[in-house]
Amino acid sequence: MDTHWLTEARPHLRRAAIYAAIAIAGLVIASLEEIARPIGEDLTGYVNFAGVVILALAGIASVRAAARAARVLSRQTVGDTRGTALGLLVQIFGYFVVGLTVMSLLEIDVSGLLLGGAITGVVIGIAAQQTLANFFAGMVLISVRPLEVGERVFLRSGPLAGEYEGTVTDLGMFYVDMLTDRGPVKLPNAGVLAAAIGPGARAPKDEPTEKDEDRA
């Protein structure tokens, strides 16, 4: 990876680590009542609440810094648009963890919320099964990168209903764009992830083949 991207992301990573350490300190203060006892029993609740506030503020700051670092680091390999999407995923997951931890420390009953979220998640998962499959397959393709933009590849897959050969023009969150000899096509990420991938064997139309060279 280019050192320019690491240099740009390093301040965000440093801030994320510092705020994460502060959030952990707040978690310790909020969860251990023994810390406030030397000060006085009446101050125990205030000290614990202060720890929760520290955890919430530092946790949010750490998540935001980590999301910025993720956007910067992913921008080089997946582009600005998908880098922004990855940063948004980091933010959503981080805020969820921080919020759940804060509610747990405040002894808020989250069982109903979790149950409702689980039911909603199941309904959404069933309704958008194919979309979610393509999305998560896109995340795997972006991370593992079995193919690169500009690379000519050959795909064979049952879910894709056949074979495809062409040049990869874009790796999206839901589709892989390819330029084949018959024209551009959009292949769903789930099908590409399940495909056998190899280097393109046939030459493009604009390049002379061995048969053409023999005729010449």
C-alpha atoms as a PDB file:
ATOM      1  CA  MET A   1       0.000   0.000   0.000  1.00  0.00           C
ATOM      2  CA  ASP A   2       1.234   3.482  -0.826  1.00  0.00           C
ATOM      3  CA  THR A   3       2.817   5.192   2.183  1.00  0.00           C
ATOM      4  CA  HIS A   4       0.898   8.369   1.317  1.00  0.00           C
ATOM      5  CA  TRP A   5      -2.341   6.713   2.408  1.00  0.00           C
ATOM      6  CA  LEU A   6      -0.750   5.403   5.595  1.00  0.00           C
ATOM      7  CA  THR A   7       0.563   8.867   6.400  1.00  0.00           C
ATOM      8  CA  GLU A   8      -2.878  10.366   5.864  1.00  0.00           C
ATOM      9  CA  ALA A   9      -4.610   7.702   7.960  1.00  0.00           C
ATOM     10  CA  ARG A  10      -2.086   7.637  10.822  1.00  0.00           C
ATOM     11  CA  PRO A  11      -3.491  10.703  12.697  1.00  0.00           C
ATOM     12  CA  HIS A  12      -7.001   9.214  12.581  1.00  0.00           C
ATOM     13  CA  LEU A  13      -5.729   5.864  13.842  1.00  0.00           C
ATOM     14  CA  ARG A  14      -3.821   7.587  16.642  1.00  0.00           C
ATOM     15  CA  ARG A  15      -6.902   9.537  17.735  1.00  0.00           C
ATOM     16  CA  ALA A  16      -9.032   6.393  17.559  1.00  0.00           C
ATOM     17  CA  ALA A  17      -6.587   4.554  19.837  1.00  0.00           C
ATOM     18  CA  ILE A  18      -6.384   7.437  22.336  1.00  0.00           C
ATOM     19  CA  TYR A  19     -10.160   7.847  22.547  1.00  0.00           C
ATOM     20  CA  ALA A  20     -10.587   4.079  22.827  1.00  0.00           C
ATOM     21  CA  ALA A  21      -8.229   4.051  25.825  1.00  0.00           C
ATOM     22  CA  ILE A  22     -10.231   6.874  27.439  1.00  0.00           C
ATOM     23  CA  ALA A  23     -13.472   4.975  26.754  1.00  0.00           C
ATOM     24  CA  ILE A  24     -12.044   1.874  28.427  1.00  0.00           C
ATOM     25  CA  ALA A  25     -11.098   3.991  31.448  1.00  0.00           C
ATOM     26  CA  GLY A  26     -14.666   5.306  31.567  1.00  0.00           C
ATOM     27  CA  LEU A  27     -15.966   1.742  31.384  1.00  0.00           C
ATOM     28  CA  VAL A  28     -13.806   0.773  34.365  1.00  0.00           C
ATOM     29  CA  ILE A  29     -15.013   3.777  36.372  1.00  0.00           C
ATOM     30  CA  ALA A  30     -18.642   3.093  35.515  1.00  0.00           C
ATOM     31  CA  SER A  31     -18.546  -0.619  36.312  1.00  0.00           C
ATOM     32  CA  LEU A  32     -16.479  -0.708  39.521  1.00  0.00           C
ATOM     33  CA  GLU A  33     -18.263   0.808  42.501  1.00  0.00           C
ATOM     34  CA  GLU A  34     -15.221   0.279  44.716  1.00  0.00           C
ATOM     35  CA  ILE A  35     -13.522   3.233  43.026  1.00  0.00           C
ATOM     36  CA  ALA A  36     -15.988   5.694  44.551  1.00  0.00           C
ATOM     37  CA  ARG A  37     -16.129   4.189  48.034  1.00  0.00           C
ATOM     38  CA  PRO A  38     -12.965   5.899  49.342  1.00  0.00           C
ATOM     39  CA  ILE A  39     -14.563   9.218  48.352  1.00  0.00           C
ATOM     40  CA  GLY A  40     -17.889   8.478  49.965  1.00  0.00           C
ATOM     41  CA  GLU A  41     -20.921   6.276  49.504  1.00  0.00           C
ATOM     42  CA  ASP A  42     -23.073   9.211  48.404  1.00  0.00           C
ATOM     43  CA  LEU A  43     -20.781   9.971  45.482  1.00  0.00           C
ATOM     44  CA  THR A  44     -20.782   6.441  44.105  1.00  0.00           C
ATOM     45  CA  GLY A  45     -23.665   7.053  41.710  1.00  0.00           C
ATOM     46  CA  TYR A  46     -22.195  10.332  40.462  1.00  0.00           C
ATOM     47  CA  VAL A  47     -18.793   8.783  39.825  1.00  0.00           C
ATOM     48  CA  ASN A  48     -20.351   5.845  37.984  1.00  0.00           C
ATOM     49  CA  PHE A  49     -22.489   8.195  35.885  1.00  0.00           C
ATOM     50  CA  ALA A  50     -19.413  10.278  35.069  1.00  0.00           C
ATOM     51  CA  GLY A  51     -17.736   7.088  33.861  1.00  0.00           C
ATOM     52  CA  VAL A  52     -20.710   6.370  31.595  1.00  0.00           C
ATOM     53  CA  VAL A  53     -20.518   9.893  30.136  1.00  0.00           C
ATOM     54  CA  ILE A  54     -16.775   9.522  29.541  1.00  0.00           C
ATOM     55  CA  LEU A  55     -17.365   6.152  27.884  1.00  0.00           C
ATOM     56  CA  ALA A  56     -20.097   7.528  25.613  1.00  0.00           C
ATOM     57  CA  LEU A  57     -18.222  10.646  24.486  1.00  0.00           C
ATOM     58  CA  ALA A  58     -14.845   8.952  24.050  1.00  0.00           C
ATOM     59  CA  GLY A  59     -16.455   5.940  22.361  1.00  0.00           C
ATOM     60  CA  ILE A  60     -18.238   8.127  19.807  1.00  0.00           C
ATOM     61  CA  ALA A  61     -15.029  10.063  19.114  1.00  0.00           C
ATOM     62  CA  SER A  62     -13.078   6.815  18.699  1.00  0.00           C
ATOM     63  CA  VAL A  63     -15.652   5.392  16.286  1.00  0.00           C
ATOM     64  CA  ARG A  64     -15.631   8.555  14.170  1.00  0.00           C
ATOM     65  CA  ALA A  65     -11.826   8.563  13.987  1.00  0.00           C
ATOM     66  CA  ALA A  66     -11.765   4.856  13.096  1.00  0.00           C
ATOM     67  CA  ALA A  67     -14.348   5.439  10.350  1.00  0.00           C
ATOM     68  CA  ARG A  68     -12.238   8.236   8.865  1.00  0.00           C
ATOM     69  CA  ALA A  69      -9.187   5.977   8.911  1.00  0.00           C
ATOM     70  CA  ALA A  70     -11.167   3.202   7.204  1.00  0.00           C
ATOM     71  CA  ARG A  71     -12.283   5.594   4.464  1.00  0.00           C
ATOM     72  CA  VAL A  72      -8.734   6.803   3.865  1.00  0.00           C
ATOM     73  CA  LEU A  73      -7.201   3.316   3.810  1.00  0.00           C
ATOM     74  CA  SER A  74      -9.906   1.823   1.575  1.00  0.00           C
ATOM     75  CA  ARG A  75      -9.976   4.736  -0.861  1.00  0.00           C
ATOM     76  CA  GLN A  76      -6.863   3.486  -2.642  1.00  0.00           C
ATOM     77  CA  THR A  77      -8.174  -0.012  -3.352  1.00  0.00           C
ATOM     78  CA  VAL A  78     -11.954   0.352  -3.695  1.00  0.00           C
ATOM     79  CA  GLY A  79     -12.447   4.010  -4.644  1.00  0.00           C
ATOM     80  CA  ASP A  80     -14.077   6.980  -2.935  1.00  0.00           C
ATOM     81  CA  THR A  81     -17.678   5.766  -3.142  1.00  0.00           C
ATOM     82  CA  ARG A  82     -17.097   2.307  -1.694  1.00  0.00           C
ATOM     83  CA  GLY A  83     -14.558   3.692   0.777  1.00  0.00           C
ATOM     84  CA  THR A  84     -17.288   5.978   2.110  1.00  0.00           C
ATOM     85  CA  ALA A  85     -19.639   2.992   2.380  1.00  0.00           C
ATOM     86  CA  LEU A  86     -17.063   1.016   4.366  1.00  0.00           C
ATOM     87  CA  GLY A  87     -16.532   3.974   6.680  1.00  0.00           C
ATOM     88  CA  LEU A  88     -20.291   4.187   7.209  1.00  0.00           C
ATOM     89  CA  LEU A  89     -20.418   0.495   8.136  1.00  0.00           C
ATOM     90  CA  VAL A  90     -17.657   1.036  10.695  1.00  0.00           C
ATOM     91  CA  GLN A  91     -19.618   3.942  12.173  1.00  0.00           C
ATOM     92  CA  ILE A  92     -22.892   2.015  12.387  1.00  0.00           C
ATOM     93  CA  PHE A  93     -21.264  -0.989  14.050  1.00  0.00           C
ATOM     94  CA  GLY A  94     -19.235   1.188  16.430  1.00  0.00           C
ATOM     95  CA  TYR A  95     -22.221   3.312  17.482  1.00  0.00           C
ATOM     96  CA  PHE A  96     -24.241   0.156  18.064  1.00  0.00           C
ATOM     97  CA  VAL A  97     -21.572  -1.288  20.374  1.00  0.00           C
ATOM     98  CA  VAL A  98     -21.159   1.986  22.286  1.00  0.00           C
ATOM     99  CA  GLY A  99     -24.912   2.474  22.653  1.00  0.00           C
ATOM    100  CA  LEU A 100     -25.474  -1.087  23.827  1.00  0.00           C
ATOM    101  CA  THR A 101     -22.660  -0.765  26.388  1.00  0.00           C
ATOM    102  CA  VAL A 102     -23.988   2.544  27.729  1.00  0.00           C
ATOM    103  CA  MET A 103     -27.539   1.185  28.093  1.00  0.00           C
ATOM    104  CA  SER A 104     -26.187  -1.881  29.865  1.00  0.00           C
ATOM    105  CA  LEU A 105     -24.230   0.262  32.350  1.00  0.00           C
ATOM    106  CA  LEU A 106     -27.300   2.424  32.986  1.00  0.00           C
ATOM    107  CA  GLU A 107     -29.228  -0.804  33.679  1.00  0.00           C
ATOM    108  CA  ILE A 108     -31.707  -0.104  30.902  1.00  0.00           C
ATOM    109  CA  ASP A 109     -33.620  -3.217  29.893  1.00  0.00           C
ATOM    110  CA  VAL A 110     -32.628  -3.808  26.286  1.00  0.00           C
ATOM    111  CA  SER A 111     -34.159  -7.276  25.982  1.00  0.00           C
ATOM    112  CA  GLY A 112     -37.289  -5.918  24.297  1.00  0.00           C
ATOM    113  CA  LEU A 113     -35.181  -3.772  21.983  1.00  0.00           C
ATOM    114  CA  LEU A 114     -32.963  -6.708  21.068  1.00  0.00           C
ATOM    115  CA  LEU A 115     -35.977  -8.963  20.511  1.00  0.00           C
ATOM    116  CA  GLY A 116     -37.666  -6.392  18.295  1.00  0.00           C
ATOM    117  CA  GLY A 117     -34.433  -5.821  16.411  1.00  0.00           C
ATOM    118  CA  ALA A 118     -33.966  -9.555  15.927  1.00  0.00           C
ATOM    119  CA  ILE A 119     -37.486  -9.983  14.542  1.00  0.00           C
ATOM    120  CA  THR A 120     -37.062  -6.964  12.276  1.00  0.00           C
ATOM    121  CA  GLY A 121     -33.703  -8.290  11.120  1.00  0.00           C
ATOM    122  CA  VAL A 122     -35.200 -11.670  10.236  1.00  0.00           C
ATOM    123  CA  VAL A 123     -38.023 -10.052   8.247  1.00  0.00           C
ATOM    124  CA  ILE A 124     -35.647  -7.733   6.401  1.00  0.00           C
ATOM    125  CA  GLY A 125     -33.203 -10.584   5.815  1.00  0.00           C
ATOM    126  CA  ILE A 126     -35.891 -12.744   4.210  1.00  0.00           C
ATOM    127  CA  ALA A 127     -37.245  -9.886   2.101  1.00  0.00           C
ATOM    128  CA  ALA A 128     -33.822  -8.711   0.924  1.00  0.00           C
ATOM    129  CA  GLN A 129     -32.000 -12.035   0.910  1.00  0.00           C
ATOM    130  CA  GLN A 130     -30.517 -11.664  -2.569  1.00  0.00           C
ATOM    131  CA  THR A 131     -29.548  -8.037  -2.015  1.00  0.00           C
ATOM    132  CA  LEU A 132     -27.816  -8.831   1.264  1.00  0.00           C
ATOM    133  CA  ALA A 133     -26.082 -11.824  -0.317  1.00  0.00           C
ATOM    134  CA  ASN A 134     -24.684  -9.590  -3.068  1.00  0.00           C
ATOM    135  CA  PHE A 135     -23.668  -6.937  -0.535  1.00  0.00           C
ATOM    136  CA  PHE A 136     -21.729  -9.287   1.744  1.00  0.00           C
ATOM    137  CA  ALA A 137     -20.248 -11.066  -1.269  1.00  0.00           C
ATOM    138  CA  GLY A 138     -19.086  -7.650  -2.470  1.00  0.00           C
ATOM    139  CA  MET A 139     -17.399  -7.049   0.881  1.00  0.00           C
ATOM    140  CA  VAL A 140     -15.571 -10.372   0.531  1.00  0.00           C
ATOM    141  CA  LEU A 141     -14.527  -9.629  -3.056  1.00  0.00           C
ATOM    142  CA  ILE A 142     -13.227  -6.198  -2.056  1.00  0.00           C
ATOM    143  CA  SER A 143     -11.283  -7.675   0.873  1.00  0.00           C
ATOM    144  CA  VAL A 144      -9.908 -10.841  -0.748  1.00  0.00           C
ATOM    145  CA  ARG A 145      -9.697  -9.371  -4.275  1.00  0.00           C
ATOM    146  CA  PRO A 146      -9.599 -12.541  -6.418  1.00  0.00           C
ATOM    147  CA  LEU A 147      -9.880 -10.220  -9.414  1.00  0.00           C
ATOM    148  CA  GLU A 148      -8.728  -6.671 -10.080  1.00  0.00           C
ATOM    149  CA  VAL A 149     -10.089  -3.776 -12.105  1.00  0.00           C
ATOM    150  CA  GLY A 150      -8.480  -3.850 -15.543  1.00  0.00           C
ATOM    151  CA  GLU A 151      -7.765  -7.587 -15.362  1.00  0.00           C
ATOM    152  CA  ARG A 152      -9.070  -9.909 -18.076  1.00  0.00           C
ATOM    153  CA  VAL A 153     -10.623 -12.950 -16.406  1.00  0.00           C
ATOM    154  CA  PHE A 154     -12.671 -16.032 -17.214  1.00  0.00           C
ATOM    155  CA  LEU A 155     -15.634 -16.893 -14.954  1.00  0.00           C
ATOM    156  CA  ARG A 156     -17.531 -20.175 -14.822  1.00  0.00           C
ATOM    157  CA  SER A 157     -20.433 -20.393 -12.402  1.00  0.00           C
ATOM    158  CA  GLY A 158     -23.771 -22.145 -12.071  1.00  0.00           C
ATOM    159  CA  PRO A 159     -25.472 -19.126 -10.443  1.00  0.00           C
ATOM    160  CA  LEU A 160     -24.286 -16.996 -13.381  1.00  0.00           C
ATOM    161  CA  ALA A 161     -25.818 -19.514 -15.805  1.00  0.00           C
ATOM    162  CA  GLY A 162     -22.721 -20.092 -17.871  1.00  0.00           C
ATOM    163  CA  GLU A 163     -19.313 -18.702 -18.665  1.00  0.00           C
ATOM    164  CA  TYR A 164     -18.115 -15.132 -18.986  1.00  0.00           C
ATOM    165  CA  GLU A 165     -14.829 -13.749 -20.186  1.00  0.00           C
ATOM    166  CA  GLY A 166     -13.860 -10.127 -20.304  1.00  0.00           C
ATOM    167  CA  THR A 167     -12.099  -7.225 -18.641  1.00  0.00           C
ATOM    168  CA  VAL A 168     -13.194  -6.169 -15.161  1.00  0.00           C
ATOM    169  CA  THR A 169     -14.143  -2.488 -15.261  1.00  0.00           C
ATOM    170  CA  ASP A 170     -15.517  -1.996 -11.741  1.00  0.00           C
ATOM    171  CA  LEU A 171     -15.938  -3.817  -8.422  1.00  0.00           C
ATOM    172  CA  GLY A 172     -19.164  -2.536  -6.883  1.00  0.00           C
ATOM    173  CA  MET A 173     -20.941  -3.231  -3.620  1.00  0.00           C
ATOM    174  CA  PHE A 174     -23.591  -5.306  -5.440  1.00  0.00           C
ATOM    175  CA  TYR A 175     -22.289  -6.006  -8.960  1.00  0.00           C
ATOM    176  CA  VAL A 176     -19.065  -6.665 -10.833  1.00  0.00           C
ATOM    177  CA  ASP A 177     -18.910  -4.796 -14.138  1.00  0.00           C
ATOM    178  CA  MET A 178     -17.199  -6.580 -17.024  1.00  0.00           C
ATOM    179  CA  LEU A 179     -16.570  -5.652 -20.626  1.00  0.00           C
ATOM    180  CA  THR A 180     -16.944  -8.826 -22.686  1.00  0.00           C
ATOM    181  CA  ASP A 181     -16.612  -9.393 -26.423  1.00  0.00           C
ATOM    182  CA  ARG A 182     -20.410  -9.093 -26.639  1.00  0.00           C
ATOM    183  CA  GLY A 183     -20.532  -5.860 -24.652  1.00  0.00           C
ATOM    184  CA  PRO A 184     -20.706  -4.698 -21.028  1.00  0.00           C
ATOM    185  CA  VAL A 185     -22.407  -6.893 -18.428  1.00  0.00           C
ATOM    186  CA  LYS A 186     -23.215  -6.581 -14.727  1.00  0.00           C
ATOM    187  CA  LEU A 187     -22.682  -9.773 -12.728  1.00  0.00           C
ATOM    188  CA  PRO A 188     -24.104 -10.132  -9.192  1.00  0.00           C
ATOM    189  CA  ASN A 189     -21.398 -10.398  -6.560  1.00  0.00           C
ATOM    190  CA  ALA A 190     -22.843 -13.579  -5.036  1.00  0.00           C
ATOM    191  CA  GLY A 191     -22.527 -15.369  -8.376  1.00  0.00           C
ATOM    192  CA  VAL A 192     -18.992 -14.082  -8.930  1.00  0.00           C
ATOM    193  CA  LEU A 193     -17.946 -15.189  -5.441  1.00  0.00           C
ATOM    194  CA  ALA A 194     -19.234 -18.710  -6.193  1.00  0.00           C
ATOM    195  CA  ALA A 195     -17.545 -18.808  -9.608  1.00  0.00           C
ATOM    196  CA  ALA A 196     -14.337 -20.447 -10.708  1.00  0.00           C
ATOM    197  CA  ILE A 197     -12.076 -17.561 -11.716  1.00  0.00           C
ATOM    198  CA  GLY A 198      -9.130 -17.838 -14.069  1.00  0.00           C
ATOM    199  CA  PRO A 199      -7.139 -15.674 -16.454  1.00  0.00           C
ATOM    200  CA  GLY A 200      -8.776 -14.848 -19.765  1.00  0.00           C
ATOM    201  CA  ALA A 201      -7.697 -17.332 -22.411  1.00  0.00           C
ATOM    202  CA  ARG A 202      -9.153 -15.791 -25.537  1.00  0.00           C
ATOM    203  CA  ALA A 203      -7.707 -12.613 -26.948  1.00  0.00           C
ATOM    204  CA  PRO A 204      -9.916  -9.508 -27.255  1.00  0.00           C
ATOM    205  CA  LYS A 205     -11.373  -8.681 -30.646  1.00  0.00           C
ATOM    206  CA  ASP A 206      -9.113  -5.699 -31.152  1.00  0.00           C
ATOM    207  CA  GLU A 207      -5.994  -7.865 -30.735  1.00  0.00           C
ATOM    208  CA  PRO A 208      -4.810 -10.234 -33.509  1.00  0.00           C
ATOM    209  CA  THR A 209      -5.166 -13.922 -32.713  1.00  0.00           C
ATOM    210  CA  GLU A 210      -2.670 -16.643 -33.638  1.00  0.00           C
ATOM    211  CA  LYS A 211      -4.953 -17.756 -36.488  1.00  0.00           C
ATOM    212  CA  ASP A 212      -4.991 -14.225 -37.917  1.00  0.00           C
ATOM    213  CA  GLU A 213      -1.207 -14.041 -37.690  1.00  0.00           C
ATOM    214  CA  ASP A 214      -0.871 -17.367 -39.557  1.00  0.00           C
ATOM    215  CA  ARG A 215      -3.161 -16.104 -42.314  1.00  0.00           C
ATOM    216  CA  ALA A 216      -1.080 -12.962 -42.630  1.00  0.00           C
END
